[in-house]
Amino acid sequence: MNTVLLAGAIFAALETRAIAAIAAGVAISCGALGCSFAMGKAASHAIDAGARQPEVLGKIQTMLLAAIVFIESLCIYSLVVALLLIFMFR
């Protein structure tokens, strides 16, 4: 029970800007971490598929590029959310 009261007191003492800055840091770090794992997995599977069937390597590269573009857009969305958190609570 004391830890709940302590956590409530800590968050009450923080300003809104500080909470927004922490939330922005969490948002961009989670977005970047998830996107980096997704890009690594997509590239790994594309390399494996290219090694198994080298004759379709051109199609695999095209699909990999499209997948990386969509994955990168998710990272950009997390950056936009982080920037909105920072600049809306100024």
N, C-alpha and C. Protein backbone atom coordinates (compact mmCIF):
# COMPACT_ATOMS: atom_id res chain seq x y z
N MET A 1 0.82 -1.19 0.00
CA MET A 1 0.00 0.00 0.00
C MET A 1 0.87 1.25 0.00
N ASN A 2 1.97 1.21 0.72
CA ASN A 2 2.84 2.37 0.78
C ASN A 2 3.48 2.68 -0.56
N THR A 3 3.77 1.63 -1.35
CA THR A 3 4.39 1.87 -2.67
C THR A 3 3.41 2.55 -3.61
N VAL A 4 2.13 2.24 -3.48
CA VAL A 4 1.13 2.90 -4.32
C VAL A 4 1.05 4.38 -3.96
N LEU A 5 1.06 4.68 -2.68
CA LEU A 5 1.01 6.08 -2.26
C LEU A 5 2.28 6.82 -2.67
N LEU A 6 3.41 6.13 -2.58
CA LEU A 6 4.67 6.74 -2.99
C LEU A 6 4.69 7.03 -4.49
N ALA A 7 4.21 6.07 -5.28
CA ALA A 7 4.16 6.28 -6.72
C ALA A 7 3.20 7.41 -7.06
N GLY A 8 2.08 7.49 -6.36
CA GLY A 8 1.14 8.58 -6.59
C GLY A 8 1.74 9.93 -6.23
N ALA A 9 2.51 9.96 -5.16
CA ALA A 9 3.15 11.21 -4.76
C ALA A 9 4.22 11.64 -5.75
N ILE A 10 4.94 10.67 -6.29
CA ILE A 10 5.97 10.99 -7.27
C ILE A 10 5.34 11.56 -8.53
N PHE A 11 4.28 10.92 -9.02
CA PHE A 11 3.64 11.43 -10.23
C PHE A 11 2.92 12.75 -9.99
N ALA A 12 2.45 12.97 -8.78
CA ALA A 12 1.83 14.25 -8.47
C ALA A 12 2.86 15.36 -8.43
N ALA A 13 4.08 15.02 -8.02
CA ALA A 13 5.13 16.02 -7.94
C ALA A 13 5.70 16.38 -9.31
N LEU A 14 5.61 15.44 -10.25
CA LEU A 14 6.13 15.72 -11.59
C LEU A 14 5.22 16.70 -12.31
N GLU A 15 5.82 17.52 -13.09
CA GLU A 15 5.04 18.43 -13.91
C GLU A 15 4.52 17.69 -15.14
N THR A 16 3.57 18.29 -15.81
CA THR A 16 3.00 17.69 -17.00
C THR A 16 4.05 17.57 -18.09
N ARG A 17 4.94 18.54 -18.18
CA ARG A 17 6.00 18.49 -19.21
C ARG A 17 6.94 17.33 -18.96
N ALA A 18 7.23 17.06 -17.70
CA ALA A 18 8.13 15.96 -17.38
C ALA A 18 7.51 14.62 -17.73
N ILE A 19 6.23 14.46 -17.42
CA ILE A 19 5.54 13.22 -17.77
C ILE A 19 5.46 13.06 -19.27
N ALA A 20 5.21 14.16 -20.00
CA ALA A 20 5.17 14.10 -21.46
C ALA A 20 6.53 13.75 -22.03
N ALA A 21 7.61 14.25 -21.44
CA ALA A 21 8.95 13.92 -21.91
C ALA A 21 9.27 12.46 -21.67
N ILE A 22 8.87 11.92 -20.53
CA ILE A 22 9.09 10.50 -20.25
C ILE A 22 8.27 9.65 -21.22
N ALA A 23 7.03 10.03 -21.45
CA ALA A 23 6.17 9.29 -22.38
C ALA A 23 6.72 9.35 -23.80
N ALA A 24 7.28 10.49 -24.19
CA ALA A 24 7.88 10.61 -25.52
C ALA A 24 9.09 9.70 -25.65
N GLY A 25 9.90 9.64 -24.61
CA GLY A 25 11.06 8.75 -24.64
C GLY A 25 10.65 7.29 -24.74
N VAL A 26 9.62 6.91 -24.00
CA VAL A 26 9.13 5.53 -24.06
C VAL A 26 8.55 5.24 -25.44
N ALA A 27 7.81 6.19 -26.00
CA ALA A 27 7.18 5.99 -27.31
C ALA A 27 8.21 5.79 -28.40
N ILE A 28 9.22 6.64 -28.44
CA ILE A 28 10.20 6.53 -29.52
C ILE A 28 11.09 5.32 -29.32
N SER A 29 11.40 4.98 -28.07
CA SER A 29 12.27 3.82 -27.86
C SER A 29 11.54 2.52 -28.18
N CYS A 30 10.28 2.40 -27.81
CA CYS A 30 9.52 1.19 -28.15
C CYS A 30 9.31 1.09 -29.65
N GLY A 31 9.01 2.22 -30.28
CA GLY A 31 8.82 2.21 -31.73
C GLY A 31 10.09 1.83 -32.48
N ALA A 32 11.21 2.40 -32.06
CA ALA A 32 12.47 2.10 -32.73
C ALA A 32 12.91 0.66 -32.48
N LEU A 33 12.70 0.18 -31.26
CA LEU A 33 13.09 -1.19 -30.93
C LEU A 33 12.27 -2.20 -31.72
N GLY A 34 10.96 -1.99 -31.76
CA GLY A 34 10.10 -2.89 -32.51
C GLY A 34 10.39 -2.88 -34.00
N CYS A 35 10.63 -1.69 -34.54
CA CYS A 35 10.92 -1.58 -35.97
C CYS A 35 12.27 -2.21 -36.32
N SER A 36 13.24 -2.06 -35.44
CA SER A 36 14.55 -2.65 -35.75
C SER A 36 14.48 -4.18 -35.73
N PHE A 37 13.73 -4.74 -34.78
CA PHE A 37 13.56 -6.19 -34.78
C PHE A 37 12.80 -6.67 -36.01
N ALA A 38 11.77 -5.93 -36.41
CA ALA A 38 10.98 -6.31 -37.58
C ALA A 38 11.80 -6.23 -38.85
N MET A 39 12.63 -5.18 -38.98
CA MET A 39 13.48 -5.07 -40.17
C MET A 39 14.52 -6.18 -40.22
N GLY A 40 15.09 -6.51 -39.09
CA GLY A 40 16.06 -7.60 -39.03
C GLY A 40 15.44 -8.93 -39.39
N LYS A 41 14.24 -9.18 -38.90
CA LYS A 41 13.57 -10.43 -39.22
C LYS A 41 13.18 -10.49 -40.69
N ALA A 42 12.70 -9.38 -41.24
CA ALA A 42 12.33 -9.35 -42.66
C ALA A 42 13.56 -9.57 -43.55
N ALA A 43 14.67 -8.92 -43.21
CA ALA A 43 15.89 -9.09 -43.99
C ALA A 43 16.42 -10.51 -43.87
N SER A 44 16.35 -11.07 -42.68
CA SER A 44 16.82 -12.44 -42.47
C SER A 44 16.03 -13.44 -43.31
N HIS A 45 14.73 -13.29 -43.29
CA HIS A 45 13.90 -14.20 -44.08
C HIS A 45 14.08 -13.98 -45.58
N ALA A 46 14.31 -12.75 -45.99
CA ALA A 46 14.55 -12.49 -47.41
C ALA A 46 15.86 -13.11 -47.87
N ILE A 47 16.88 -13.02 -47.03
CA ILE A 47 18.17 -13.64 -47.39
C ILE A 47 18.03 -15.15 -47.45
N ASP A 48 17.29 -15.73 -46.49
CA ASP A 48 17.06 -17.17 -46.51
C ASP A 48 16.31 -17.60 -47.77
N ALA A 49 15.28 -16.83 -48.13
CA ALA A 49 14.51 -17.17 -49.33
C ALA A 49 15.35 -17.01 -50.59
N GLY A 50 16.20 -15.99 -50.62
CA GLY A 50 17.09 -15.80 -51.77
C GLY A 50 18.13 -16.90 -51.88
N ALA A 51 18.57 -17.42 -50.75
CA ALA A 51 19.53 -18.51 -50.78
C ALA A 51 18.88 -19.81 -51.25
N ARG A 52 17.61 -20.00 -50.91
CA ARG A 52 16.93 -21.22 -51.35
C ARG A 52 16.52 -21.17 -52.81
N GLN A 53 16.09 -20.00 -53.28
CA GLN A 53 15.65 -19.86 -54.67
C GLN A 53 16.28 -18.61 -55.27
N PRO A 54 17.49 -18.72 -55.77
CA PRO A 54 18.17 -17.53 -56.30
C PRO A 54 17.51 -16.96 -57.56
N GLU A 55 16.70 -17.75 -58.24
CA GLU A 55 16.09 -17.25 -59.49
C GLU A 55 15.00 -16.22 -59.23
N VAL A 56 14.45 -16.14 -58.03
CA VAL A 56 13.41 -15.16 -57.73
C VAL A 56 13.94 -14.05 -56.81
N LEU A 57 15.24 -13.84 -56.84
CA LEU A 57 15.85 -12.86 -55.95
C LEU A 57 15.35 -11.43 -56.22
N GLY A 58 15.09 -11.11 -57.48
CA GLY A 58 14.59 -9.78 -57.83
C GLY A 58 13.23 -9.50 -57.20
N LYS A 59 12.33 -10.49 -57.26
CA LYS A 59 11.01 -10.33 -56.64
C LYS A 59 11.12 -10.24 -55.12
N ILE A 60 12.03 -11.02 -54.56
CA ILE A 60 12.21 -11.00 -53.11
C ILE A 60 12.73 -9.64 -52.66
N GLN A 61 13.66 -9.08 -53.43
CA GLN A 61 14.20 -7.76 -53.07
C GLN A 61 13.12 -6.69 -53.15
N THR A 62 12.26 -6.79 -54.15
CA THR A 62 11.17 -5.82 -54.27
C THR A 62 10.21 -5.92 -53.10
N MET A 63 9.85 -7.14 -52.74
CA MET A 63 8.95 -7.32 -51.60
C MET A 63 9.62 -6.89 -50.29
N LEU A 64 10.92 -7.14 -50.17
CA LEU A 64 11.64 -6.72 -48.97
C LEU A 64 11.65 -5.20 -48.86
N LEU A 65 11.90 -4.53 -49.96
CA LEU A 65 11.91 -3.07 -49.94
C LEU A 65 10.54 -2.51 -49.55
N ALA A 66 9.47 -3.10 -50.09
CA ALA A 66 8.13 -2.65 -49.73
C ALA A 66 7.86 -2.89 -48.24
N ALA A 67 8.28 -4.04 -47.74
CA ALA A 67 8.07 -4.35 -46.32
C ALA A 67 8.85 -3.38 -45.43
N ILE A 68 10.08 -3.08 -45.81
CA ILE A 68 10.90 -2.16 -45.01
C ILE A 68 10.31 -0.75 -45.01
N VAL A 69 9.73 -0.35 -46.13
CA VAL A 69 9.09 0.97 -46.19
C VAL A 69 7.92 1.03 -45.22
N PHE A 70 7.10 -0.02 -45.17
CA PHE A 70 5.97 -0.03 -44.25
C PHE A 70 6.43 -0.11 -42.80
N ILE A 71 7.47 -0.88 -42.54
CA ILE A 71 8.00 -0.96 -41.18
C ILE A 71 8.57 0.39 -40.75
N GLU A 72 9.27 1.05 -41.65
CA GLU A 72 9.85 2.35 -41.33
C GLU A 72 8.77 3.40 -41.09
N SER A 73 7.63 3.27 -41.77
CA SER A 73 6.54 4.21 -41.53
C SER A 73 6.02 4.09 -40.10
N LEU A 74 6.03 2.89 -39.55
CA LEU A 74 5.63 2.73 -38.15
C LEU A 74 6.60 3.44 -37.21
N CYS A 75 7.88 3.40 -37.54
CA CYS A 75 8.88 4.10 -36.73
C CYS A 75 8.68 5.62 -36.84
N ILE A 76 8.34 6.08 -38.01
CA ILE A 76 8.09 7.51 -38.19
C ILE A 76 6.84 7.93 -37.42
N TYR A 77 5.81 7.07 -37.38
CA TYR A 77 4.62 7.37 -36.60
C TYR A 77 4.95 7.50 -35.12
N SER A 78 5.83 6.64 -34.60
CA SER A 78 6.20 6.76 -33.19
C SER A 78 7.00 8.04 -32.95
N LEU A 79 7.79 8.46 -33.93
CA LEU A 79 8.50 9.73 -33.82
C LEU A 79 7.52 10.90 -33.79
N VAL A 80 6.50 10.84 -34.62
CA VAL A 80 5.49 11.90 -34.65
C VAL A 80 4.75 11.96 -33.31
N VAL A 81 4.42 10.81 -32.75
CA VAL A 81 3.75 10.78 -31.45
C VAL A 81 4.65 11.38 -30.38
N ALA A 82 5.94 11.03 -30.41
CA ALA A 82 6.87 11.58 -29.43
C ALA A 82 7.00 13.10 -29.57
N LEU A 83 7.09 13.58 -30.80
CA LEU A 83 7.18 15.02 -31.01
C LEU A 83 5.91 15.75 -30.59
N LEU A 84 4.76 15.13 -30.85
CA LEU A 84 3.50 15.73 -30.41
C LEU A 84 3.45 15.80 -28.88
N LEU A 85 3.91 14.75 -28.22
CA LEU A 85 3.93 14.77 -26.76
C LEU A 85 4.83 15.87 -26.23
N ILE A 86 5.97 16.06 -26.87
CA ILE A 86 6.91 17.07 -26.40
C ILE A 86 6.38 18.48 -26.63
N PHE A 87 5.89 18.73 -27.84
CA PHE A 87 5.53 20.11 -28.19
C PHE A 87 4.11 20.51 -27.79
N MET A 88 3.25 19.56 -27.49
CA MET A 88 1.91 19.93 -27.05
C MET A 88 1.88 20.34 -25.58
N PHE A 89 2.82 19.85 -24.81
CA PHE A 89 2.85 20.16 -23.38
C PHE A 89 4.00 21.09 -23.04
N ARG A 90 4.19 22.10 -23.84
CA ARG A 90 5.27 23.06 -23.60
C ARG A 90 4.86 24.13 -22.67
